[in-house]
């Protein structure tokens, strides 16, 4: 795989195995509704997308105001878990340390939460910028990618977006950046493949090797 001047990373399912904390918090929110028997496997498919997408699919009868209240409950519960069941994927820290170029995030988390969780797992020093989804549409909209590129002063063609979900790949295509799909996360391979990623990797170390297939 060729080297890029800029690398953008999704967080959940790409850098961090955070599904247990995310799904656990969602389950607590759903336990107050009639949707209290949703499996973690189902919920994993929504990681990386805005929670409103999940609540809309499960409970389309709810108003946007009701869903916003559920999102607020989720954020409170998720932060209270203090990332206790979250872990960095093996090899991530070593690859971030070794990769050349500038690095930023492109995550559906808000920027403050992203900084906290990266610091918690010792990954924050490897990033030149941390960009979350703050007051603009979440992936698959390209806004979070474009916000990072603007801060870094980078052109889309100089950037590789690394992510585990179809929403990452779609957002990358819409932003005009190169895309790299990771297979250790929560996205389904067939959903990722629909967006024809430029690279596929099965291990973080392949970011510095030949990941093209």
N, C-alpha and C. Protein backbone atom coordinates (compact mmCIF):
# COMPACT_ATOMS: atom_id res chain seq x y z
N UNK A 1 0.84 -1.19 0.00
CA UNK A 1 0.00 0.00 0.00
C UNK A 1 0.88 1.25 0.00
N UNK A 2 0.58 2.18 -0.87
CA UNK A 2 1.40 3.39 -0.94
C UNK A 2 1.16 4.25 0.30
N UNK A 3 2.14 5.09 0.59
CA UNK A 3 2.01 5.98 1.73
C UNK A 3 1.20 7.22 1.32
N UNK A 4 0.45 7.75 2.29
CA UNK A 4 -0.39 8.92 2.05
C UNK A 4 0.07 10.07 2.94
N UNK A 5 -0.08 11.31 2.46
CA UNK A 5 0.25 12.46 3.31
C UNK A 5 -0.68 12.59 4.52
N UNK A 6 -1.93 12.09 4.38
CA UNK A 6 -2.92 12.22 5.45
C UNK A 6 -3.68 10.91 5.60
N UNK A 7 -3.84 10.49 6.86
CA UNK A 7 -4.65 9.32 7.20
C UNK A 7 -5.78 9.76 8.12
N UNK A 8 -7.00 9.37 7.77
CA UNK A 8 -8.15 9.62 8.64
C UNK A 8 -8.68 8.27 9.13
N UNK A 9 -8.96 8.20 10.43
CA UNK A 9 -9.39 6.94 11.02
C UNK A 9 -10.77 7.05 11.65
N UNK A 10 -11.63 6.12 11.28
CA UNK A 10 -12.81 5.86 12.10
C UNK A 10 -12.30 5.34 13.45
N UNK A 11 -13.12 5.41 14.49
CA UNK A 11 -12.67 5.01 15.83
C UNK A 11 -13.28 3.67 16.25
N UNK A 12 -14.60 3.63 16.41
CA UNK A 12 -15.26 2.42 16.91
C UNK A 12 -15.27 1.33 15.84
N UNK A 13 -14.66 0.20 16.15
CA UNK A 13 -14.58 -0.90 15.19
C UNK A 13 -13.36 -0.84 14.30
N UNK A 14 -12.61 0.25 14.37
CA UNK A 14 -11.39 0.40 13.57
C UNK A 14 -10.17 0.51 14.47
N UNK A 15 -10.18 1.48 15.37
CA UNK A 15 -9.10 1.61 16.35
C UNK A 15 -9.43 0.89 17.65
N UNK A 16 -10.70 0.96 18.04
CA UNK A 16 -11.11 0.44 19.35
C UNK A 16 -12.21 -0.60 19.21
N UNK A 17 -12.10 -1.66 19.99
CA UNK A 17 -13.16 -2.65 20.11
C UNK A 17 -14.08 -2.18 21.24
N UNK A 18 -15.05 -1.39 20.89
CA UNK A 18 -15.89 -0.69 21.86
C UNK A 18 -17.33 -1.16 21.84
N UNK A 19 -17.61 -2.25 21.13
CA UNK A 19 -19.00 -2.69 20.95
C UNK A 19 -19.68 -3.01 22.27
N UNK A 20 -18.97 -3.61 23.21
CA UNK A 20 -19.60 -4.00 24.47
C UNK A 20 -20.14 -2.78 25.22
N UNK A 21 -19.36 -1.70 25.25
CA UNK A 21 -19.82 -0.49 25.92
C UNK A 21 -20.93 0.20 25.14
N UNK A 22 -20.79 0.27 23.83
CA UNK A 22 -21.81 0.94 23.02
C UNK A 22 -23.13 0.17 23.07
N UNK A 23 -23.05 -1.13 22.82
CA UNK A 23 -24.28 -1.94 22.81
C UNK A 23 -24.90 -2.01 24.20
N UNK A 24 -24.06 -2.07 25.22
CA UNK A 24 -24.58 -2.10 26.58
C UNK A 24 -25.37 -0.84 26.92
N UNK A 25 -24.85 0.31 26.51
CA UNK A 25 -25.55 1.57 26.76
C UNK A 25 -26.84 1.65 25.96
N UNK A 26 -26.80 1.20 24.70
CA UNK A 26 -28.02 1.21 23.89
C UNK A 26 -29.08 0.29 24.50
N UNK A 27 -28.65 -0.88 24.96
CA UNK A 27 -29.61 -1.82 25.55
C UNK A 27 -30.31 -1.21 26.75
N UNK A 28 -29.59 -0.45 27.55
CA UNK A 28 -30.22 0.20 28.71
C UNK A 28 -31.25 1.23 28.28
N UNK A 29 -30.94 1.97 27.22
CA UNK A 29 -31.91 2.93 26.70
C UNK A 29 -33.14 2.20 26.17
N UNK A 30 -32.91 1.13 25.42
CA UNK A 30 -34.04 0.39 24.83
C UNK A 30 -34.87 -0.34 25.88
N UNK A 31 -34.27 -0.62 27.03
CA UNK A 31 -35.00 -1.33 28.08
C UNK A 31 -36.17 -0.52 28.62
N UNK A 32 -36.19 0.77 28.36
CA UNK A 32 -37.30 1.62 28.80
C UNK A 32 -38.40 1.69 27.75
N UNK A 33 -38.22 0.99 26.63
CA UNK A 33 -39.21 0.97 25.55
C UNK A 33 -39.65 -0.46 25.32
N UNK A 34 -40.53 -0.65 24.35
CA UNK A 34 -40.96 -2.01 24.02
C UNK A 34 -39.91 -2.76 23.22
N UNK A 35 -38.85 -2.05 22.78
CA UNK A 35 -37.77 -2.68 22.02
C UNK A 35 -36.68 -3.12 23.00
N UNK A 36 -37.00 -4.10 23.82
CA UNK A 36 -36.05 -4.50 24.87
C UNK A 36 -35.47 -5.89 24.64
N UNK A 37 -35.59 -6.39 23.41
CA UNK A 37 -35.04 -7.71 23.12
C UNK A 37 -34.23 -7.68 21.83
N UNK A 38 -33.48 -6.59 21.62
CA UNK A 38 -32.66 -6.42 20.41
C UNK A 38 -31.27 -6.98 20.69
N UNK A 39 -30.78 -7.81 19.80
CA UNK A 39 -29.50 -8.47 20.03
C UNK A 39 -28.32 -7.53 19.81
N UNK A 40 -27.21 -7.85 20.46
CA UNK A 40 -25.98 -7.09 20.24
C UNK A 40 -25.52 -7.21 18.79
N UNK A 41 -25.72 -8.39 18.19
CA UNK A 41 -25.32 -8.57 16.79
C UNK A 41 -26.05 -7.58 15.89
N UNK A 42 -27.33 -7.37 16.16
CA UNK A 42 -28.10 -6.40 15.38
C UNK A 42 -27.56 -4.99 15.62
N UNK A 43 -27.31 -4.66 16.88
CA UNK A 43 -26.86 -3.31 17.22
C UNK A 43 -25.49 -3.00 16.64
N UNK A 44 -24.63 -3.99 16.54
CA UNK A 44 -23.29 -3.77 15.99
C UNK A 44 -23.35 -3.21 14.58
N UNK A 45 -24.37 -3.59 13.84
CA UNK A 45 -24.49 -3.13 12.45
C UNK A 45 -24.72 -1.63 12.37
N UNK A 46 -25.13 -1.02 13.47
CA UNK A 46 -25.40 0.42 13.49
C UNK A 46 -24.24 1.23 14.07
N UNK A 47 -23.23 0.55 14.58
CA UNK A 47 -22.10 1.29 15.14
C UNK A 47 -21.41 2.08 14.03
N UNK A 48 -21.19 3.35 14.28
CA UNK A 48 -20.62 4.23 13.26
C UNK A 48 -21.65 5.10 12.58
N UNK A 49 -22.92 4.78 12.78
CA UNK A 49 -24.00 5.62 12.25
C UNK A 49 -24.62 6.39 13.41
N UNK A 50 -25.40 7.40 13.08
CA UNK A 50 -26.05 8.16 14.13
C UNK A 50 -27.12 7.29 14.79
N UNK A 51 -27.27 7.43 16.10
CA UNK A 51 -28.25 6.62 16.83
C UNK A 51 -29.67 6.87 16.36
N UNK A 52 -29.95 8.04 15.84
CA UNK A 52 -31.28 8.32 15.33
C UNK A 52 -31.66 7.32 14.24
N UNK A 53 -30.68 6.90 13.42
CA UNK A 53 -30.96 5.90 12.38
C UNK A 53 -31.48 4.61 13.01
N UNK A 54 -30.83 4.18 14.09
CA UNK A 54 -31.27 2.96 14.79
C UNK A 54 -32.66 3.13 15.38
N UNK A 55 -32.87 4.21 16.12
CA UNK A 55 -34.16 4.40 16.78
C UNK A 55 -35.29 4.57 15.75
N UNK A 56 -34.97 5.19 14.62
CA UNK A 56 -35.96 5.37 13.57
C UNK A 56 -36.36 4.03 12.96
N UNK A 57 -35.37 3.15 12.75
CA UNK A 57 -35.67 1.84 12.17
C UNK A 57 -36.45 0.96 13.15
N UNK A 58 -36.12 1.05 14.44
CA UNK A 58 -36.80 0.22 15.42
C UNK A 58 -38.17 0.77 15.80
N UNK A 59 -38.29 2.09 15.89
CA UNK A 59 -39.51 2.72 16.41
C UNK A 59 -39.88 3.93 15.55
N UNK A 60 -40.30 3.70 14.31
CA UNK A 60 -40.59 4.81 13.40
C UNK A 60 -41.73 5.71 13.87
N UNK A 61 -42.50 5.23 14.83
CA UNK A 61 -43.62 6.03 15.32
C UNK A 61 -43.17 7.16 16.25
N UNK A 62 -41.92 7.11 16.73
CA UNK A 62 -41.44 8.13 17.66
C UNK A 62 -41.17 9.45 16.93
N UNK A 63 -41.36 10.55 17.64
CA UNK A 63 -41.02 11.87 17.09
C UNK A 63 -39.52 12.08 17.18
N UNK A 64 -39.02 13.05 16.43
CA UNK A 64 -37.60 13.36 16.48
C UNK A 64 -37.23 13.84 17.89
N UNK A 65 -38.12 14.56 18.53
CA UNK A 65 -37.83 15.02 19.89
C UNK A 65 -37.67 13.85 20.85
N UNK A 66 -38.51 12.83 20.72
CA UNK A 66 -38.39 11.64 21.58
C UNK A 66 -37.07 10.92 21.32
N UNK A 67 -36.69 10.81 20.04
CA UNK A 67 -35.43 10.14 19.72
C UNK A 67 -34.23 10.94 20.22
N UNK A 68 -34.32 12.25 20.15
CA UNK A 68 -33.23 13.08 20.66
C UNK A 68 -33.04 12.88 22.17
N UNK A 69 -34.15 12.71 22.89
CA UNK A 69 -34.06 12.43 24.32
C UNK A 69 -33.39 11.09 24.58
N UNK A 70 -33.68 10.10 23.73
CA UNK A 70 -33.04 8.79 23.86
C UNK A 70 -31.55 8.87 23.56
N UNK A 71 -31.19 9.67 22.58
CA UNK A 71 -29.77 9.87 22.27
C UNK A 71 -29.06 10.50 23.47
N UNK A 72 -29.70 11.48 24.09
CA UNK A 72 -29.11 12.12 25.27
C UNK A 72 -28.95 11.12 26.41
N UNK A 73 -29.94 10.25 26.59
CA UNK A 73 -29.83 9.20 27.62
C UNK A 73 -28.68 8.26 27.31
N UNK A 74 -28.56 7.89 26.04
CA UNK A 74 -27.45 7.02 25.65
C UNK A 74 -26.10 7.65 25.99
N UNK A 75 -25.93 8.90 25.64
CA UNK A 75 -24.64 9.55 25.87
C UNK A 75 -24.29 9.59 27.36
N UNK A 76 -25.29 9.84 28.18
CA UNK A 76 -25.06 9.86 29.63
C UNK A 76 -24.66 8.46 30.13
N UNK A 77 -25.37 7.45 29.68
CA UNK A 77 -25.10 6.07 30.12
C UNK A 77 -23.74 5.60 29.59
N UNK A 78 -23.47 5.92 28.32
CA UNK A 78 -22.20 5.49 27.71
C UNK A 78 -21.01 6.09 28.45
N UNK A 79 -21.07 7.37 28.74
CA UNK A 79 -19.95 8.01 29.46
C UNK A 79 -19.81 7.45 30.86
N UNK A 80 -20.93 7.11 31.50
CA UNK A 80 -20.88 6.57 32.86
C UNK A 80 -20.21 5.19 32.89
N UNK A 81 -20.21 4.48 31.79
CA UNK A 81 -19.54 3.18 31.73
C UNK A 81 -18.02 3.33 31.74
N UNK A 82 -17.54 4.55 31.42
CA UNK A 82 -16.11 4.87 31.50
C UNK A 82 -15.25 3.95 30.64
N UNK A 83 -15.82 3.48 29.54
CA UNK A 83 -15.07 2.67 28.57
C UNK A 83 -14.47 1.41 29.21
N UNK A 84 -15.16 0.90 30.23
CA UNK A 84 -14.61 -0.23 30.99
C UNK A 84 -14.49 -1.52 30.22
N UNK A 85 -15.30 -1.69 29.18
CA UNK A 85 -15.25 -2.92 28.39
C UNK A 85 -14.63 -2.70 27.01
N UNK A 86 -14.03 -1.53 26.82
CA UNK A 86 -13.42 -1.17 25.54
C UNK A 86 -11.93 -1.49 25.55
N UNK A 87 -11.41 -1.90 24.40
CA UNK A 87 -9.99 -2.20 24.25
C UNK A 87 -9.51 -1.70 22.88
N UNK A 88 -8.26 -1.30 22.80
CA UNK A 88 -7.66 -1.02 21.49
C UNK A 88 -7.41 -2.34 20.77
N UNK A 89 -7.67 -2.37 19.48
CA UNK A 89 -7.37 -3.57 18.71
C UNK A 89 -5.86 -3.81 18.69
N UNK A 90 -5.43 -5.06 18.74
CA UNK A 90 -4.00 -5.37 18.73
C UNK A 90 -3.31 -4.77 17.50
N UNK A 91 -2.17 -4.16 17.71
CA UNK A 91 -1.38 -3.61 16.62
C UNK A 91 -1.69 -2.19 16.25
N UNK A 92 -2.80 -1.64 16.74
CA UNK A 92 -3.21 -0.30 16.34
C UNK A 92 -2.20 0.75 16.79
N UNK A 93 -1.81 0.73 18.05
CA UNK A 93 -0.88 1.73 18.55
C UNK A 93 0.45 1.69 17.80
N UNK A 94 0.94 0.50 17.54
CA UNK A 94 2.23 0.35 16.86
C UNK A 94 2.17 0.92 15.44
N UNK A 95 1.07 0.67 14.76
CA UNK A 95 0.94 1.16 13.38
C UNK A 95 0.77 2.68 13.36
N UNK A 96 -0.02 3.22 14.29
CA UNK A 96 -0.16 4.68 14.35
C UNK A 96 1.19 5.34 14.61
N UNK A 97 2.00 4.73 15.44
CA UNK A 97 3.32 5.28 15.74
C UNK A 97 4.24 5.22 14.52
N UNK A 98 4.08 4.20 13.71
CA UNK A 98 5.00 3.97 12.59
C UNK A 98 4.58 4.70 11.31
N UNK A 99 3.30 4.97 11.14
CA UNK A 99 2.83 5.56 9.89
C UNK A 99 3.34 6.98 9.72
N UNK A 100 3.81 7.33 8.53
CA UNK A 100 4.18 8.72 8.26
C UNK A 100 2.93 9.55 8.00
N UNK A 101 3.12 10.82 7.78
CA UNK A 101 2.01 11.68 7.41
C UNK A 101 1.21 12.16 8.61
N UNK A 102 0.26 13.04 8.32
CA UNK A 102 -0.61 13.57 9.36
C UNK A 102 -1.78 12.61 9.59
N UNK A 103 -2.30 12.64 10.82
CA UNK A 103 -3.39 11.73 11.17
C UNK A 103 -4.49 12.49 11.90
N UNK A 104 -5.72 12.14 11.55
CA UNK A 104 -6.88 12.68 12.23
C UNK A 104 -7.93 11.59 12.34
N UNK A 105 -8.99 11.89 13.05
CA UNK A 105 -10.11 10.96 13.16
C UNK A 105 -11.26 11.46 12.29
N UNK A 106 -12.16 10.55 11.97
CA UNK A 106 -13.41 10.87 11.27
C UNK A 106 -14.46 9.95 11.85
N UNK A 107 -15.02 10.34 12.98
CA UNK A 107 -15.88 9.48 13.76
C UNK A 107 -17.23 10.12 14.03
N UNK A 108 -18.23 9.27 14.28
CA UNK A 108 -19.56 9.75 14.63
C UNK A 108 -19.61 10.25 16.08
N UNK A 109 -18.66 9.84 16.91
CA UNK A 109 -18.57 10.39 18.26
C UNK A 109 -18.34 11.91 18.18
N UNK A 110 -18.73 12.63 19.24
CA UNK A 110 -18.37 14.03 19.32
C UNK A 110 -16.88 14.17 19.59
N UNK A 111 -16.33 15.31 19.24
CA UNK A 111 -14.89 15.52 19.41
C UNK A 111 -14.44 15.39 20.86
N UNK A 112 -15.11 15.99 21.85
CA UNK A 112 -14.63 15.84 23.23
C UNK A 112 -14.58 14.39 23.69
N UNK A 113 -15.62 13.61 23.39
CA UNK A 113 -15.63 12.19 23.77
C UNK A 113 -14.51 11.44 23.05
N UNK A 114 -14.29 11.76 21.80
CA UNK A 114 -13.23 11.09 21.03
C UNK A 114 -11.86 11.35 21.66
N UNK A 115 -11.60 12.58 22.03
CA UNK A 115 -10.31 12.90 22.66
C UNK A 115 -10.14 12.12 23.96
N UNK A 116 -11.20 12.04 24.75
CA UNK A 116 -11.12 11.34 26.04
C UNK A 116 -10.81 9.86 25.83
N UNK A 117 -11.51 9.23 24.90
CA UNK A 117 -11.33 7.78 24.72
C UNK A 117 -9.96 7.48 24.09
N UNK A 118 -9.49 8.32 23.18
CA UNK A 118 -8.16 8.11 22.61
C UNK A 118 -7.08 8.27 23.67
N UNK A 119 -7.26 9.26 24.53
CA UNK A 119 -6.29 9.45 25.61
C UNK A 119 -6.31 8.27 26.57
N UNK A 120 -7.49 7.77 26.86
CA UNK A 120 -7.63 6.64 27.79
C UNK A 120 -6.82 5.44 27.32
N UNK A 121 -6.75 5.23 26.01
CA UNK A 121 -6.05 4.05 25.49
C UNK A 121 -4.69 4.39 24.88
N UNK A 122 -4.17 5.57 25.22
CA UNK A 122 -2.81 5.92 24.83
C UNK A 122 -2.62 6.23 23.36
N UNK A 123 -3.71 6.53 22.65
CA UNK A 123 -3.61 6.76 21.21
C UNK A 123 -3.58 8.25 20.83
N UNK A 124 -3.97 9.12 21.74
CA UNK A 124 -4.08 10.54 21.41
C UNK A 124 -2.78 11.15 20.91
N UNK A 125 -1.61 10.82 21.46
CA UNK A 125 -0.37 11.45 20.99
C UNK A 125 -0.05 11.20 19.52
N UNK A 126 -0.66 10.20 18.93
CA UNK A 126 -0.35 9.88 17.53
C UNK A 126 -1.14 10.73 16.55
N UNK A 127 -2.07 11.55 17.04
CA UNK A 127 -2.95 12.30 16.15
C UNK A 127 -2.58 13.77 16.12
N UNK A 128 -2.55 14.32 14.90
CA UNK A 128 -2.32 15.75 14.71
C UNK A 128 -3.60 16.54 14.95
N UNK A 129 -4.73 15.88 14.77
CA UNK A 129 -6.03 16.52 14.96
C UNK A 129 -7.04 15.44 15.34
N UNK A 130 -8.03 15.83 16.12
CA UNK A 130 -9.13 14.93 16.47
C UNK A 130 -10.41 15.59 15.99
N UNK A 131 -11.14 14.89 15.12
CA UNK A 131 -12.37 15.44 14.56
C UNK A 131 -13.52 14.48 14.79
N UNK A 132 -14.51 14.96 15.52
CA UNK A 132 -15.75 14.21 15.69
C UNK A 132 -16.88 14.88 14.95
N UNK A 133 -18.07 14.33 15.12
CA UNK A 133 -19.25 14.87 14.45
C UNK A 133 -19.91 15.87 15.40
N UNK A 134 -19.68 17.14 15.13
CA UNK A 134 -20.11 18.22 16.02
C UNK A 134 -21.06 19.17 15.30
N UNK A 135 -22.35 18.93 15.44
CA UNK A 135 -23.33 19.86 14.89
C UNK A 135 -23.50 19.80 13.39
N UNK A 136 -23.04 18.73 12.76
CA UNK A 136 -23.28 18.54 11.33
C UNK A 136 -23.65 17.08 11.09
N UNK A 137 -24.15 16.74 9.90
CA UNK A 137 -24.64 15.38 9.65
C UNK A 137 -23.54 14.33 9.81
N UNK A 138 -23.93 13.17 10.34
CA UNK A 138 -23.01 12.07 10.56
C UNK A 138 -22.80 11.28 9.27
N UNK A 139 -21.74 10.45 9.27
CA UNK A 139 -21.54 9.53 8.15
C UNK A 139 -22.81 8.71 7.94
N UNK A 140 -23.20 8.42 6.71
CA UNK A 140 -22.40 8.47 5.48
C UNK A 140 -22.26 9.82 4.81
N UNK A 141 -22.79 10.89 5.41
CA UNK A 141 -22.48 12.22 4.87
C UNK A 141 -20.97 12.45 5.03
N UNK A 142 -20.36 13.22 4.13
CA UNK A 142 -18.90 13.38 4.15
C UNK A 142 -18.39 14.48 5.07
N UNK A 143 -19.27 15.13 5.83
CA UNK A 143 -18.92 16.34 6.56
C UNK A 143 -17.73 16.18 7.51
N UNK A 144 -17.68 15.08 8.26
CA UNK A 144 -16.61 14.91 9.24
C UNK A 144 -15.26 14.75 8.55
N UNK A 145 -15.25 14.13 7.39
CA UNK A 145 -14.02 14.00 6.61
C UNK A 145 -13.57 15.37 6.10
N UNK A 146 -14.50 16.10 5.53
CA UNK A 146 -14.18 17.41 4.98
C UNK A 146 -13.71 18.37 6.08
N UNK A 147 -14.28 18.23 7.29
CA UNK A 147 -13.85 19.09 8.40
C UNK A 147 -12.40 18.81 8.77
N UNK A 148 -12.02 17.53 8.80
CA UNK A 148 -10.63 17.17 9.09
C UNK A 148 -9.69 17.71 8.02
N UNK A 149 -10.07 17.53 6.75
CA UNK A 149 -9.21 17.98 5.66
C UNK A 149 -9.01 19.49 5.70
N UNK A 150 -10.07 20.21 6.06
CA UNK A 150 -9.96 21.66 6.14
C UNK A 150 -8.96 22.08 7.21
N UNK A 151 -9.05 21.45 8.39
CA UNK A 151 -8.13 21.80 9.48
C UNK A 151 -6.69 21.47 9.09
N UNK A 152 -6.50 20.34 8.43
CA UNK A 152 -5.14 19.90 8.07
C UNK A 152 -4.63 20.57 6.80
N UNK A 153 -5.48 21.28 6.11
CA UNK A 153 -5.07 21.93 4.87
C UNK A 153 -4.72 20.94 3.78
N UNK A 154 -5.48 19.84 3.72
CA UNK A 154 -5.16 18.74 2.80
C UNK A 154 -6.20 18.62 1.70
N UNK A 155 -5.77 18.16 0.55
CA UNK A 155 -6.67 17.87 -0.56
C UNK A 155 -7.20 16.44 -0.43
N UNK A 156 -8.41 16.17 -0.90
CA UNK A 156 -8.97 14.82 -0.79
C UNK A 156 -8.08 13.74 -1.40
N UNK A 157 -7.45 14.04 -2.51
CA UNK A 157 -6.64 13.02 -3.18
C UNK A 157 -5.38 12.64 -2.39
N UNK A 158 -5.05 13.41 -1.38
CA UNK A 158 -3.88 13.11 -0.54
C UNK A 158 -4.24 12.30 0.70
N UNK A 159 -5.50 11.88 0.81
CA UNK A 159 -6.00 11.30 2.05
C UNK A 159 -6.47 9.86 1.87
N UNK A 160 -6.19 9.04 2.88
CA UNK A 160 -6.74 7.68 2.97
C UNK A 160 -7.63 7.61 4.21
N UNK A 161 -8.89 7.24 4.01
CA UNK A 161 -9.82 7.03 5.11
C UNK A 161 -9.84 5.54 5.45
N UNK A 162 -9.62 5.21 6.72
CA UNK A 162 -9.59 3.84 7.19
C UNK A 162 -10.81 3.60 8.08
N UNK A 163 -11.65 2.62 7.73
CA UNK A 163 -12.86 2.38 8.50
C UNK A 163 -13.37 0.97 8.34
N UNK A 164 -14.33 0.61 9.18
CA UNK A 164 -14.84 -0.76 9.21
C UNK A 164 -16.28 -0.88 8.74
N UNK A 165 -16.93 0.23 8.39
CA UNK A 165 -18.35 0.19 8.09
C UNK A 165 -18.65 0.75 6.71
N UNK A 166 -19.79 0.33 6.17
CA UNK A 166 -20.22 0.83 4.86
C UNK A 166 -20.39 2.35 4.90
N UNK A 167 -20.83 2.88 6.04
CA UNK A 167 -20.99 4.33 6.15
C UNK A 167 -19.66 5.06 5.98
N UNK A 168 -18.56 4.44 6.45
CA UNK A 168 -17.23 5.02 6.25
C UNK A 168 -16.88 5.06 4.78
N UNK A 169 -17.12 3.94 4.09
CA UNK A 169 -16.75 3.84 2.69
C UNK A 169 -17.58 4.79 1.83
N UNK A 170 -18.87 4.89 2.13
CA UNK A 170 -19.73 5.81 1.38
C UNK A 170 -19.30 7.26 1.62
N UNK A 171 -19.04 7.59 2.88
CA UNK A 171 -18.60 8.96 3.19
C UNK A 171 -17.29 9.28 2.48
N UNK A 172 -16.37 8.31 2.47
CA UNK A 172 -15.10 8.52 1.79
C UNK A 172 -15.27 8.76 0.30
N UNK A 173 -16.13 7.97 -0.33
CA UNK A 173 -16.39 8.16 -1.75
C UNK A 173 -16.97 9.55 -2.01
N UNK A 174 -17.90 9.95 -1.16
CA UNK A 174 -18.56 11.24 -1.36
C UNK A 174 -17.60 12.40 -1.11
N UNK A 175 -16.60 12.18 -0.26
CA UNK A 175 -15.60 13.22 0.02
C UNK A 175 -14.48 13.24 -1.01
N UNK A 176 -14.38 12.20 -1.82
CA UNK A 176 -13.34 12.15 -2.84
C UNK A 176 -12.00 11.66 -2.35
N UNK A 177 -11.97 10.96 -1.19
CA UNK A 177 -10.71 10.44 -0.66
C UNK A 177 -10.58 8.97 -1.03
N UNK A 178 -9.37 8.41 -0.90
CA UNK A 178 -9.17 6.98 -1.03
C UNK A 178 -9.70 6.29 0.23
N UNK A 179 -10.14 5.06 0.07
CA UNK A 179 -10.75 4.35 1.20
C UNK A 179 -10.06 3.01 1.44
N UNK A 180 -9.99 2.65 2.73
CA UNK A 180 -9.42 1.37 3.14
C UNK A 180 -10.39 0.70 4.10
N UNK A 181 -10.89 -0.47 3.73
CA UNK A 181 -11.82 -1.22 4.56
C UNK A 181 -11.06 -2.20 5.44
N UNK A 182 -11.34 -2.19 6.74
CA UNK A 182 -10.74 -3.15 7.66
C UNK A 182 -11.75 -4.25 7.93
N UNK A 183 -11.26 -5.47 8.08
CA UNK A 183 -12.17 -6.62 8.22
C UNK A 183 -12.33 -7.09 9.65
N UNK A 184 -11.67 -6.42 10.61
CA UNK A 184 -11.76 -6.88 12.01
C UNK A 184 -12.85 -6.13 12.78
N UNK A 185 -13.56 -5.23 12.13
CA UNK A 185 -14.55 -4.42 12.83
C UNK A 185 -15.94 -5.01 12.80
N UNK A 186 -16.95 -4.13 12.75
CA UNK A 186 -18.34 -4.55 12.92
C UNK A 186 -19.14 -4.54 11.62
N UNK A 187 -18.59 -3.98 10.56
CA UNK A 187 -19.32 -3.93 9.30
C UNK A 187 -19.29 -5.27 8.58
N UNK A 188 -20.33 -5.51 7.79
CA UNK A 188 -20.40 -6.73 6.99
C UNK A 188 -19.62 -6.54 5.68
N UNK A 189 -18.87 -7.56 5.33
CA UNK A 189 -18.01 -7.44 4.16
C UNK A 189 -18.79 -7.10 2.90
N UNK A 190 -19.97 -7.71 2.74
CA UNK A 190 -20.74 -7.45 1.53
C UNK A 190 -21.23 -6.00 1.47
N UNK A 191 -21.50 -5.41 2.65
CA UNK A 191 -21.93 -4.01 2.67
C UNK A 191 -20.76 -3.08 2.35
N UNK A 192 -19.59 -3.39 2.88
CA UNK A 192 -18.40 -2.61 2.56
C UNK A 192 -18.08 -2.69 1.07
N UNK A 193 -18.19 -3.91 0.51
CA UNK A 193 -17.79 -4.14 -0.89
C UNK A 193 -18.63 -3.34 -1.87
N UNK A 194 -19.85 -3.00 -1.48
CA UNK A 194 -20.71 -2.22 -2.38
C UNK A 194 -20.08 -0.89 -2.75
N UNK A 195 -19.20 -0.38 -1.89
CA UNK A 195 -18.59 0.92 -2.13
C UNK A 195 -17.19 0.81 -2.71
N UNK A 196 -16.82 -0.41 -3.09
CA UNK A 196 -15.55 -0.67 -3.80
C UNK A 196 -14.37 0.04 -3.14
N UNK A 197 -14.03 -0.35 -1.91
CA UNK A 197 -12.87 0.28 -1.25
C UNK A 197 -11.60 0.15 -2.10
N UNK A 198 -10.74 1.13 -2.00
CA UNK A 198 -9.48 1.08 -2.73
C UNK A 198 -8.54 0.03 -2.16
N UNK A 199 -8.66 -0.23 -0.87
CA UNK A 199 -7.83 -1.22 -0.20
C UNK A 199 -8.68 -2.01 0.79
N UNK A 200 -8.24 -3.24 1.05
CA UNK A 200 -8.78 -4.09 2.12
C UNK A 200 -7.62 -4.53 2.98
N UNK A 201 -7.80 -4.52 4.30
CA UNK A 201 -6.76 -5.07 5.16
C UNK A 201 -7.40 -5.91 6.27
N UNK A 202 -6.68 -6.98 6.65
CA UNK A 202 -7.12 -7.89 7.71
C UNK A 202 -6.37 -7.67 9.01
N UNK A 203 -5.35 -6.81 8.97
CA UNK A 203 -4.50 -6.58 10.13
C UNK A 203 -3.97 -5.15 10.03
N UNK A 204 -3.90 -4.41 11.15
CA UNK A 204 -3.42 -3.03 11.08
C UNK A 204 -2.05 -2.89 10.43
N UNK A 205 -1.18 -3.90 10.60
CA UNK A 205 0.17 -3.81 10.03
C UNK A 205 0.16 -3.70 8.52
N UNK A 206 -0.93 -4.11 7.88
CA UNK A 206 -1.01 -4.02 6.43
C UNK A 206 -1.13 -2.59 5.92
N UNK A 207 -1.39 -1.65 6.81
CA UNK A 207 -1.40 -0.26 6.38
C UNK A 207 -0.03 0.17 5.87
N UNK A 208 1.00 -0.53 6.33
CA UNK A 208 2.36 -0.24 5.88
C UNK A 208 2.85 -1.26 4.86
N UNK A 209 1.92 -2.10 4.40
CA UNK A 209 2.30 -3.14 3.43
C UNK A 209 1.36 -3.07 2.24
N UNK A 210 1.36 -4.10 1.43
CA UNK A 210 0.54 -4.13 0.23
C UNK A 210 -0.84 -4.67 0.57
N UNK A 211 -1.83 -3.77 0.77
CA UNK A 211 -3.17 -4.20 1.13
C UNK A 211 -4.14 -4.23 -0.04
N UNK A 212 -3.65 -3.97 -1.24
CA UNK A 212 -4.57 -3.94 -2.38
C UNK A 212 -4.95 -5.36 -2.79
N UNK A 213 -6.27 -5.53 -3.12
CA UNK A 213 -6.74 -6.83 -3.61
C UNK A 213 -7.64 -6.61 -4.81
